[in-house]
Protein backbone atom coordinates (compact mmCIF):
# COMPACT_ATOMS: atom_id res chain seq x y z
CA MET A 1 -18.38 16.79 -23.77
CA LYS A 2 -15.42 16.99 -25.45
CA PHE A 3 -13.85 13.82 -27.47
CA ILE A 4 -10.19 12.88 -26.67
CA ALA A 5 -8.20 11.96 -29.47
CA THR A 6 -4.49 11.04 -29.85
CA LYS A 7 -2.29 9.29 -33.00
CA GLU A 8 0.35 8.08 -30.23
CA ALA A 9 -2.32 5.39 -28.96
CA PRO A 10 -4.08 2.77 -31.45
CA GLN A 11 -7.10 4.25 -32.96
CA ALA A 12 -10.52 3.06 -31.64
CA ILE A 13 -11.33 -0.48 -33.20
CA GLY A 14 -15.04 0.40 -33.36
CA PRO A 15 -17.57 3.40 -33.09
CA TYR A 16 -16.26 4.56 -29.86
CA SER A 17 -13.65 7.37 -28.82
CA GLN A 18 -10.21 7.02 -27.22
CA ALA A 19 -11.76 9.11 -24.13
CA VAL A 20 -14.09 11.66 -23.16
CA GLU A 21 -14.20 14.56 -21.16
CA TYR A 22 -17.33 15.45 -19.30
CA ASN A 23 -17.93 17.82 -16.20
CA GLY A 24 -14.46 17.64 -14.97
CA LEU A 25 -13.98 13.98 -15.50
CA ILE A 26 -11.81 11.97 -18.20
CA TYR A 27 -13.13 8.48 -19.20
CA THR A 28 -11.01 6.35 -21.22
CA SER A 29 -12.13 3.60 -23.62
CA GLY A 30 -10.53 0.29 -22.46
CA GLN A 31 -6.90 -0.18 -24.24
CA ILE A 32 -5.55 -3.57 -25.46
CA GLY A 33 -1.96 -4.04 -26.26
CA LEU A 34 -2.16 -2.68 -29.56
CA ASN A 35 0.82 -0.22 -30.97
CA GLU A 36 -0.27 2.81 -32.41
CA LYS A 37 -0.18 1.49 -35.59
CA GLY A 38 -2.95 -1.24 -34.07
CA GLU A 39 -0.79 -4.10 -34.24
CA MET A 40 -0.93 -6.51 -30.88
CA VAL A 41 2.71 -6.17 -29.64
CA ALA A 42 3.01 -9.93 -28.21
CA ASP A 43 1.02 -12.62 -27.00
CA ASP A 44 2.56 -12.50 -23.41
CA VAL A 45 0.61 -10.46 -20.49
CA GLU A 46 3.67 -8.65 -19.46
CA ASN A 47 4.19 -7.11 -22.89
CA GLN A 48 0.68 -6.21 -23.58
CA THR A 49 0.59 -4.67 -19.96
CA HIS A 50 3.20 -2.31 -20.88
CA GLN A 51 1.67 -1.45 -24.10
CA VAL A 52 -1.90 -1.16 -22.61
CA LEU A 53 -0.39 1.34 -19.77
CA LYS A 54 1.65 3.35 -22.75
CA ASN A 55 -1.98 3.79 -24.41
CA LEU A 56 -3.52 4.98 -21.25
CA PHE A 57 -0.64 7.41 -20.71
CA TYR A 58 -0.65 8.88 -24.29
CA VAL A 59 -4.71 9.23 -24.11
CA LEU A 60 -4.58 10.77 -20.73
CA GLU A 61 -1.64 13.23 -21.76
CA SER A 62 -3.73 14.18 -24.76
CA ALA A 63 -6.19 15.51 -22.41
CA GLY A 64 -3.92 17.27 -20.37
CA ALA A 65 -3.92 14.26 -17.53
CA HIS A 66 -1.68 11.97 -15.90
CA PHE A 67 -1.63 8.82 -13.84
CA ASN A 68 -1.71 10.90 -10.85
CA ASP A 69 -4.98 12.19 -11.99
CA VAL A 70 -6.50 8.84 -12.16
CA ILE A 71 -9.11 8.11 -9.44
CA LYS A 72 -10.27 4.70 -10.96
CA THR A 73 -9.17 1.74 -12.93
CA THR A 74 -10.82 -1.65 -14.41
CA ILE A 75 -8.42 -4.59 -15.43
CA TYR A 76 -9.92 -6.95 -17.44
CA LEU A 77 -7.88 -10.21 -17.37
CA VAL A 78 -8.03 -13.45 -19.49
CA ASP A 79 -6.55 -15.63 -17.16
CA MET A 80 -6.44 -14.44 -13.31
CA LYS A 81 -2.97 -16.44 -12.87
CA ASP A 82 -1.22 -13.24 -14.52
CA PHE A 83 -2.75 -11.23 -11.65
CA ASP A 84 0.42 -10.69 -9.90
CA LYS A 85 2.69 -10.09 -13.07
CA VAL A 86 -0.10 -7.56 -13.96
CA ASN A 87 0.11 -5.90 -10.64
CA SER A 88 3.80 -5.76 -10.44
CA ILE A 89 3.83 -3.73 -13.80
CA TYR A 90 0.98 -1.40 -12.88
CA ALA A 91 2.63 -0.60 -9.54
CA HIS A 92 5.47 0.44 -11.75
CA TYR A 93 3.60 2.98 -13.64
CA PHE A 94 1.39 4.32 -10.98
CA GLY A 95 4.13 4.57 -8.47
CA ILE A 96 2.89 5.63 -5.07
CA HIS A 97 -0.23 6.66 -6.40
CA LYS A 98 -3.02 4.27 -5.50
CA PRO A 99 -6.54 4.71 -7.42
CA ALA A 100 -9.46 2.89 -6.74
CA ARG A 101 -9.12 -0.54 -8.93
CA SER A 102 -11.42 -3.43 -9.98
CA THR A 103 -9.97 -6.47 -11.58
CA VAL A 104 -12.33 -8.64 -13.62
CA ALA A 105 -11.65 -12.39 -14.63
CA VAL A 106 -13.43 -12.37 -18.42
CA ARG A 107 -13.62 -14.95 -21.21
CA SER A 108 -12.23 -13.24 -24.11
CA LEU A 109 -11.27 -9.65 -25.18
CA PRO A 110 -11.02 -8.17 -28.57
CA LYS A 111 -8.25 -9.11 -30.85
CA ASN A 112 -7.49 -11.98 -28.61
CA ALA A 113 -5.93 -9.73 -25.82
CA LEU A 114 -4.96 -11.10 -22.58
CA ILE A 115 -5.43 -7.55 -20.74
CA GLU A 116 -7.67 -4.54 -21.16
CA ILE A 117 -7.69 -1.46 -18.44
CA ASP A 118 -9.75 1.63 -18.69
CA CYS A 119 -9.49 4.64 -16.11
CA ILE A 120 -11.43 7.64 -14.86
CA ALA A 121 -9.35 10.66 -14.18
CA ILE A 122 -9.58 14.01 -13.06
CA ALA A 123 -9.90 16.69 -16.06
CA ASN A 124 -7.64 19.69 -15.48
CA ALA A 125 -6.55 18.91 -12.09
CA ASP A 126 -4.96 21.71 -9.77
CA TYR A 127 -3.66 20.31 -6.44
CA SER A 128 -2.80 23.55 -5.11
CA PHE A 129 -4.16 24.51 -1.92
């Protein structure tokens, strides 16, 4: 088991790692709209979503992976009315790559965040055939 950490994304706000690599997979912890200094970037879902995906990018990058290596994401939304806005931003970051995904409505998130996303990715992916 390998613990993943980067200073490019916010440090964990509890007793957990930014990500863990195990048995060929990378499991990220949920990311919310905090910048690398641990400050919430905005109070709107669009800017928080951009920050969440940037954080995931940096965590994956520190593990040697990218969005194209992601096989599953889970999105937690405080308000499902934001689904279309989040979908549009999410599609921009993932492009034509479409991992499996769940989207769940939640009552609240840490730091009063409006969105949280975690993912599972392939470690050291080799796409040569």
